[in-house]
Amino acid sequence: MTQLSEIFYSNLVTICSGIILASIAVAYKSKCRNVNCCFGFIQIDRDVEGEEELDAHHINDDIEMKNNNL
């Protein structure tokens, strides 16, 4: 193999590894209950109730902080 092809394949492996790891990190941090990709032809179930409770909690905290600052 020539030096250029070695560099190309090395960069290709590095970029693909980065993309895979970034995708895993995003999937880990997401608020999804269930994620299927190719065999389920991309099916995602989100936990909307949990998000609504979290949003309501943040709104209540913001209101309390504004009332305390007055």
PDB file of N, CA and C in Angstrom:
ATOM      1  N   MET A   1       0.839  -1.182   0.000  1.00  0.00           N
ATOM      2  CA  MET A   1       0.000   0.000   0.000  1.00  0.00           C
ATOM      3  C   MET A   1       0.879   1.240   0.000  1.00  0.00           C
ATOM      4  N   THR A   2       0.396   2.252  -0.666  1.00  0.00           N
ATOM      5  CA  THR A   2       1.146   3.494  -0.694  1.00  0.00           C
ATOM      6  C   THR A   2       0.855   4.302   0.558  1.00  0.00           C
ATOM      7  N   GLN A   3       1.675   5.293   0.775  1.00  0.00           N
ATOM      8  CA  GLN A   3       1.533   6.104   1.981  1.00  0.00           C
ATOM      9  C   GLN A   3       0.218   6.890   1.975  1.00  0.00           C
ATOM     10  N   LEU A   4      -0.208   7.377   0.801  1.00  0.00           N
ATOM     11  CA  LEU A   4      -1.455   8.142   0.724  1.00  0.00           C
ATOM     12  C   LEU A   4      -2.672   7.283   1.042  1.00  0.00           C
ATOM     13  N   SER A   5      -2.685   6.043   0.582  1.00  0.00           N
ATOM     14  CA  SER A   5      -3.835   5.188   0.861  1.00  0.00           C
ATOM     15  C   SER A   5      -3.871   4.806   2.338  1.00  0.00           C
ATOM     16  N   GLU A   6      -2.701   4.660   2.980  1.00  0.00           N
ATOM     17  CA  GLU A   6      -2.666   4.378   4.415  1.00  0.00           C
ATOM     18  C   GLU A   6      -3.242   5.554   5.203  1.00  0.00           C
ATOM     19  N   ILE A   7      -2.882   6.744   4.798  1.00  0.00           N
ATOM     20  CA  ILE A   7      -3.403   7.941   5.465  1.00  0.00           C
ATOM     21  C   ILE A   7      -4.906   8.051   5.238  1.00  0.00           C
ATOM     22  N   PHE A   8      -5.349   7.763   4.026  1.00  0.00           N
ATOM     23  CA  PHE A   8      -6.779   7.837   3.712  1.00  0.00           C
ATOM     24  C   PHE A   8      -7.571   6.881   4.591  1.00  0.00           C
ATOM     25  N   TYR A   9      -7.146   5.620   4.658  1.00  0.00           N
ATOM     26  CA  TYR A   9      -7.883   4.628   5.444  1.00  0.00           C
ATOM     27  C   TYR A   9      -7.819   4.942   6.939  1.00  0.00           C
ATOM     28  N   SER A  10      -6.699   5.466   7.381  1.00  0.00           N
ATOM     29  CA  SER A  10      -6.582   5.861   8.784  1.00  0.00           C
ATOM     30  C   SER A  10      -7.566   6.978   9.108  1.00  0.00           C
ATOM     31  N   ASN A  11      -7.654   7.970   8.242  1.00  0.00           N
ATOM     32  CA  ASN A  11      -8.605   9.069   8.440  1.00  0.00           C
ATOM     33  C   ASN A  11     -10.048   8.580   8.338  1.00  0.00           C
ATOM     34  N   LEU A  12     -10.308   7.693   7.418  1.00  0.00           N
ATOM     35  CA  LEU A  12     -11.653   7.157   7.247  1.00  0.00           C
ATOM     36  C   LEU A  12     -12.115   6.415   8.501  1.00  0.00           C
ATOM     37  N   VAL A  13     -11.259   5.591   9.063  1.00  0.00           N
ATOM     38  CA  VAL A  13     -11.590   4.857  10.287  1.00  0.00           C
ATOM     39  C   VAL A  13     -11.799   5.829  11.440  1.00  0.00           C
ATOM     40  N   THR A  14     -10.958   6.851  11.546  1.00  0.00           N
ATOM     41  CA  THR A  14     -11.090   7.833  12.620  1.00  0.00           C
ATOM     42  C   THR A  14     -12.398   8.604  12.513  1.00  0.00           C
ATOM     43  N   ILE A  15     -12.764   9.039  11.335  1.00  0.00           N
ATOM     44  CA  ILE A  15     -14.000   9.791  11.124  1.00  0.00           C
ATOM     45  C   ILE A  15     -15.218   8.915  11.402  1.00  0.00           C
ATOM     46  N   CYS A  16     -15.211   7.687  10.912  1.00  0.00           N
ATOM     47  CA  CYS A  16     -16.351   6.781  11.154  1.00  0.00           C
ATOM     48  C   CYS A  16     -16.493   6.478  12.639  1.00  0.00           C
ATOM     49  N   SER A  17     -15.383   6.277  13.327  1.00  0.00           N
ATOM     50  CA  SER A  17     -15.434   6.024  14.769  1.00  0.00           C
ATOM     51  C   SER A  17     -16.018   7.226  15.504  1.00  0.00           C
ATOM     52  N   GLY A  18     -15.615   8.428  15.111  1.00  0.00           N
ATOM     53  CA  GLY A  18     -16.149   9.640  15.726  1.00  0.00           C
ATOM     54  C   GLY A  18     -17.637   9.787  15.507  1.00  0.00           C
ATOM     55  N   ILE A  19     -18.098   9.488  14.308  1.00  0.00           N
ATOM     56  CA  ILE A  19     -19.525   9.581  14.004  1.00  0.00           C
ATOM     57  C   ILE A  19     -20.314   8.564  14.826  1.00  0.00           C
ATOM     58  N   ILE A  20     -19.802   7.359  14.932  1.00  0.00           N
ATOM     59  CA  ILE A  20     -20.493   6.320  15.701  1.00  0.00           C
ATOM     60  C   ILE A  20     -20.548   6.698  17.177  1.00  0.00           C
ATOM     61  N   LEU A  21     -19.437   7.167  17.737  1.00  0.00           N
ATOM     62  CA  LEU A  21     -19.413   7.551  19.149  1.00  0.00           C
ATOM     63  C   LEU A  21     -20.304   8.757  19.432  1.00  0.00           C
ATOM     64  N   ALA A  22     -20.326   9.726  18.509  1.00  0.00           N
ATOM     65  CA  ALA A  22     -21.206  10.887  18.690  1.00  0.00           C
ATOM     66  C   ALA A  22     -22.668  10.469  18.631  1.00  0.00           C
ATOM     67  N   SER A  23     -23.002   9.560  17.759  1.00  0.00           N
ATOM     68  CA  SER A  23     -24.382   9.065  17.662  1.00  0.00           C
ATOM     69  C   SER A  23     -24.790   8.328  18.935  1.00  0.00           C
ATOM     70  N   ILE A  24     -23.889   7.546  19.487  1.00  0.00           N
ATOM     71  CA  ILE A  24     -24.176   6.832  20.728  1.00  0.00           C
ATOM     72  C   ILE A  24     -24.371   7.825  21.873  1.00  0.00           C
ATOM     73  N   ALA A  25     -23.549   8.880  21.917  1.00  0.00           N
ATOM     74  CA  ALA A  25     -23.676   9.888  22.974  1.00  0.00           C
ATOM     75  C   ALA A  25     -25.013  10.620  22.888  1.00  0.00           C
ATOM     76  N   VAL A  26     -25.441  10.967  21.695  1.00  0.00           N
ATOM     77  CA  VAL A  26     -26.729  11.649  21.509  1.00  0.00           C
ATOM     78  C   VAL A  26     -27.875  10.721  21.890  1.00  0.00           C
ATOM     79  N   ALA A  27     -27.792   9.463  21.503  1.00  0.00           N
ATOM     80  CA  ALA A  27     -28.845   8.505  21.848  1.00  0.00           C
ATOM     81  C   ALA A  27     -28.907   8.290  23.351  1.00  0.00           C
ATOM     82  N   TYR A  28     -27.763   8.303  24.030  1.00  0.00           N
ATOM     83  CA  TYR A  28     -27.738   8.106  25.471  1.00  0.00           C
ATOM     84  C   TYR A  28     -28.373   9.283  26.204  1.00  0.00           C
ATOM     85  N   LYS A  29     -28.178  10.497  25.696  1.00  0.00           N
ATOM     86  CA  LYS A  29     -28.696  11.690  26.356  1.00  0.00           C
ATOM     87  C   LYS A  29     -30.135  12.015  25.965  1.00  0.00           C
ATOM     88  N   SER A  30     -30.654  11.352  24.971  1.00  0.00           N
ATOM     89  CA  SER A  30     -32.009  11.669  24.516  1.00  0.00           C
ATOM     90  C   SER A  30     -33.036  11.179  25.523  1.00  0.00           C
ATOM     91  N   LYS A  31     -34.235  11.701  25.423  1.00  0.00           N
ATOM     92  CA  LYS A  31     -35.316  11.337  26.336  1.00  0.00           C
ATOM     93  C   LYS A  31     -36.264  10.356  25.663  1.00  0.00           C
ATOM     94  N   CYS A  32     -35.704   9.455  24.889  1.00  0.00           N
ATOM     95  CA  CYS A  32     -36.520   8.492  24.162  1.00  0.00           C
ATOM     96  C   CYS A  32     -36.626   7.192  24.945  1.00  0.00           C
ATOM     97  N   ARG A  33     -37.822   6.632  24.919  1.00  0.00           N
ATOM     98  CA  ARG A  33     -38.060   5.344  25.566  1.00  0.00           C
ATOM     99  C   ARG A  33     -37.570   4.208  24.703  1.00  0.00           C
ATOM    100  N   ASN A  34     -37.832   4.301  23.402  1.00  0.00           N
ATOM    101  CA  ASN A  34     -37.529   3.210  22.493  1.00  0.00           C
ATOM    102  C   ASN A  34     -37.064   3.792  21.162  1.00  0.00           C
ATOM    103  N   VAL A  35     -35.947   3.290  20.651  1.00  0.00           N
ATOM    104  CA  VAL A  35     -35.436   3.736  19.354  1.00  0.00           C
ATOM    105  C   VAL A  35     -35.074   2.503  18.541  1.00  0.00           C
ATOM    106  N   ASN A  36     -35.722   2.331  17.413  1.00  0.00           N
ATOM    107  CA  ASN A  36     -35.350   1.302  16.443  1.00  0.00           C
ATOM    108  C   ASN A  36     -34.889   2.017  15.193  1.00  0.00           C
ATOM    109  N   CYS A  37     -33.905   1.456  14.529  1.00  0.00           N
ATOM    110  CA  CYS A  37     -33.374   2.188  13.378  1.00  0.00           C
ATOM    111  C   CYS A  37     -33.755   1.533  12.056  1.00  0.00           C
ATOM    112  N   CYS A  38     -32.980   0.616  11.574  1.00  0.00           N
ATOM    113  CA  CYS A  38     -33.194   0.104  10.218  1.00  0.00           C
ATOM    114  C   CYS A  38     -34.250  -0.999  10.146  1.00  0.00           C
ATOM    115  N   PHE A  39     -34.195  -1.945  11.079  1.00  0.00           N
ATOM    116  CA  PHE A  39     -35.131  -3.060  10.994  1.00  0.00           C
ATOM    117  C   PHE A  39     -36.552  -2.633  11.350  1.00  0.00           C
ATOM    118  N   GLY A  40     -36.704  -1.614  12.183  1.00  0.00           N
ATOM    119  CA  GLY A  40     -38.016  -1.054  12.488  1.00  0.00           C
ATOM    120  C   GLY A  40     -38.307   0.140  11.597  1.00  0.00           C
ATOM    121  N   PHE A  41     -37.442   0.399  10.627  1.00  0.00           N
ATOM    122  CA  PHE A  41     -37.506   1.527   9.696  1.00  0.00           C
ATOM    123  C   PHE A  41     -37.706   2.844  10.454  1.00  0.00           C
ATOM    124  N   ILE A  42     -36.809   3.085  11.383  1.00  0.00           N
ATOM    125  CA  ILE A  42     -36.706   4.301  12.184  1.00  0.00           C
ATOM    126  C   ILE A  42     -37.995   4.580  12.943  1.00  0.00           C
ATOM    127  N   GLN A  43     -38.097   3.999  14.101  1.00  0.00           N
ATOM    128  CA  GLN A  43     -39.251   4.179  14.983  1.00  0.00           C
ATOM    129  C   GLN A  43     -38.742   4.728  16.308  1.00  0.00           C
ATOM    130  N   ILE A  44     -39.272   5.876  16.738  1.00  0.00           N
ATOM    131  CA  ILE A  44     -38.821   6.535  17.962  1.00  0.00           C
ATOM    132  C   ILE A  44     -40.029   6.825  18.845  1.00  0.00           C
ATOM    133  N   ASP A  45     -39.960   6.391  20.109  1.00  0.00           N
ATOM    134  CA  ASP A  45     -41.006   6.673  21.098  1.00  0.00           C
ATOM    135  C   ASP A  45     -40.412   7.580  22.156  1.00  0.00           C
ATOM    136  N   ARG A  46     -40.971   8.778  22.296  1.00  0.00           N
ATOM    137  CA  ARG A  46     -40.472   9.738  23.285  1.00  0.00           C
ATOM    138  C   ARG A  46     -41.345   9.720  24.531  1.00  0.00           C
ATOM    139  N   ASP A  47     -40.733  10.034  25.664  1.00  0.00           N
ATOM    140  CA  ASP A  47     -41.432  10.117  26.937  1.00  0.00           C
ATOM    141  C   ASP A  47     -41.913  11.552  27.126  1.00  0.00           C
ATOM    142  N   VAL A  48     -43.062  11.864  26.535  1.00  0.00           N
ATOM    143  CA  VAL A  48     -43.585  13.226  26.537  1.00  0.00           C
ATOM    144  C   VAL A  48     -44.075  13.623  27.922  1.00  0.00           C
ATOM    145  N   GLU A  49     -44.667  12.695  28.669  1.00  0.00           N
ATOM    146  CA  GLU A  49     -45.183  13.006  30.000  1.00  0.00           C
ATOM    147  C   GLU A  49     -44.068  13.443  30.931  1.00  0.00           C
ATOM    148  N   GLY A  50     -42.946  12.765  30.863  1.00  0.00           N
ATOM    149  CA  GLY A  50     -41.804  13.134  31.693  1.00  0.00           C
ATOM    150  C   GLY A  50     -41.271  14.511  31.336  1.00  0.00           C
ATOM    151  N   GLU A  51     -41.260  14.827  30.048  1.00  0.00           N
ATOM    152  CA  GLU A  51     -40.810  16.151  29.606  1.00  0.00           C
ATOM    153  C   GLU A  51     -41.755  17.244  30.074  1.00  0.00           C
ATOM    154  N   GLU A  52     -43.066  16.982  30.018  1.00  0.00           N
ATOM    155  CA  GLU A  52     -44.039  17.981  30.463  1.00  0.00           C
ATOM    156  C   GLU A  52     -43.897  18.256  31.953  1.00  0.00           C
ATOM    157  N   GLU A  53     -43.681  17.216  32.742  1.00  0.00           N
ATOM    158  CA  GLU A  53     -43.479  17.402  34.179  1.00  0.00           C
ATOM    159  C   GLU A  53     -42.212  18.202  34.456  1.00  0.00           C
ATOM    160  N   LEU A  54     -41.158  17.901  33.731  1.00  0.00           N
ATOM    161  CA  LEU A  54     -39.899  18.621  33.904  1.00  0.00           C
ATOM    162  C   LEU A  54     -40.045  20.083  33.507  1.00  0.00           C
ATOM    163  N   ASP A  55     -40.738  20.348  32.405  1.00  0.00           N
ATOM    164  CA  ASP A  55     -40.972  21.727  31.977  1.00  0.00           C
ATOM    165  C   ASP A  55     -41.809  22.492  32.993  1.00  0.00           C
ATOM    166  N   ALA A  56     -42.842  21.847  33.524  1.00  0.00           N
ATOM    167  CA  ALA A  56     -43.694  22.499  34.522  1.00  0.00           C
ATOM    168  C   ALA A  56     -42.888  22.811  35.774  1.00  0.00           C
ATOM    169  N   HIS A  57     -42.011  21.927  36.155  1.00  0.00           N
ATOM    170  CA  HIS A  57     -41.170  22.146  37.335  1.00  0.00           C
ATOM    171  C   HIS A  57     -40.237  23.344  37.111  1.00  0.00           C
ATOM    172  N   HIS A  58     -39.651  23.443  35.915  1.00  0.00           N
ATOM    173  CA  HIS A  58     -38.774  24.573  35.599  1.00  0.00           C
ATOM    174  C   HIS A  58     -39.548  25.888  35.571  1.00  0.00           C
ATOM    175  N   ILE A  59     -40.759  25.862  35.046  1.00  0.00           N
ATOM    176  CA  ILE A  59     -41.577  27.079  35.001  1.00  0.00           C
ATOM    177  C   ILE A  59     -41.915  27.534  36.412  1.00  0.00           C
ATOM    178  N   ASN A  60     -42.279  26.594  37.271  1.00  0.00           N
ATOM    179  CA  ASN A  60     -42.589  26.944  38.662  1.00  0.00           C
ATOM    180  C   ASN A  60     -41.365  27.503  39.374  1.00  0.00           C
ATOM    181  N   ASP A  61     -40.206  26.939  39.130  1.00  0.00           N
ATOM    182  CA  ASP A  61     -38.974  27.459  39.739  1.00  0.00           C
ATOM    183  C   ASP A  61     -38.691  28.881  39.267  1.00  0.00           C
ATOM    184  N   ASP A  62     -38.908  29.150  37.976  1.00  0.00           N
ATOM    185  CA  ASP A  62     -38.679  30.497  37.434  1.00  0.00           C
ATOM    186  C   ASP A  62     -39.640  31.507  38.060  1.00  0.00           C
ATOM    187  N   ILE A  63     -40.898  31.122  38.221  1.00  0.00           N
ATOM    188  CA  ILE A  63     -41.895  32.019  38.832  1.00  0.00           C
ATOM    189  C   ILE A  63     -41.516  32.321  40.280  1.00  0.00           C
ATOM    190  N   GLU A  64     -41.091  31.314  41.017  1.00  0.00           N
ATOM    191  CA  GLU A  64     -40.698  31.515  42.408  1.00  0.00           C
ATOM    192  C   GLU A  64     -39.477  32.434  42.508  1.00  0.00           C
ATOM    193  N   MET A  65     -38.532  32.287  41.602  1.00  0.00           N
ATOM    194  CA  MET A  65     -37.337  33.147  41.623  1.00  0.00           C
ATOM    195  C   MET A  65     -37.713  34.591  41.320  1.00  0.00           C
ATOM    196  N   LYS A  66     -38.636  34.818  40.382  1.00  0.00           N
ATOM    197  CA  LYS A  66     -39.078  36.167  40.059  1.00  0.00           C
ATOM    198  C   LYS A  66     -39.828  36.792  41.227  1.00  0.00           C
ATOM    199  N   ASN A  67     -40.657  36.004  41.919  1.00  0.00           N
ATOM    200  CA  ASN A  67     -41.394  36.510  43.070  1.00  0.00           C
ATOM    201  C   ASN A  67     -40.455  36.845  44.223  1.00  0.00           C
ATOM    202  N   ASN A  68     -39.403  36.083  44.395  1.00  0.00           N
ATOM    203  CA  ASN A  68     -38.444  36.338  45.465  1.00  0.00           C
ATOM    204  C   ASN A  68     -37.596  37.575  45.187  1.00  0.00           C
ATOM    205  N   ASN A  69     -37.376  37.885  43.925  1.00  0.00           N
ATOM    206  CA  ASN A  69     -36.565  39.042  43.555  1.00  0.00           C
ATOM    207  C   ASN A  69     -37.350  40.348  43.642  1.00  0.00           C
ATOM    208  N   LEU A  70     -38.667  40.283  43.720  1.00  0.00           N
ATOM    209  CA  LEU A  70     -39.487  41.504  43.786  1.00  0.00           C
ATOM    210  C   LEU A  70     -39.454  42.051  45.127  1.00  0.00           C
TER     211      LEU A  70
END
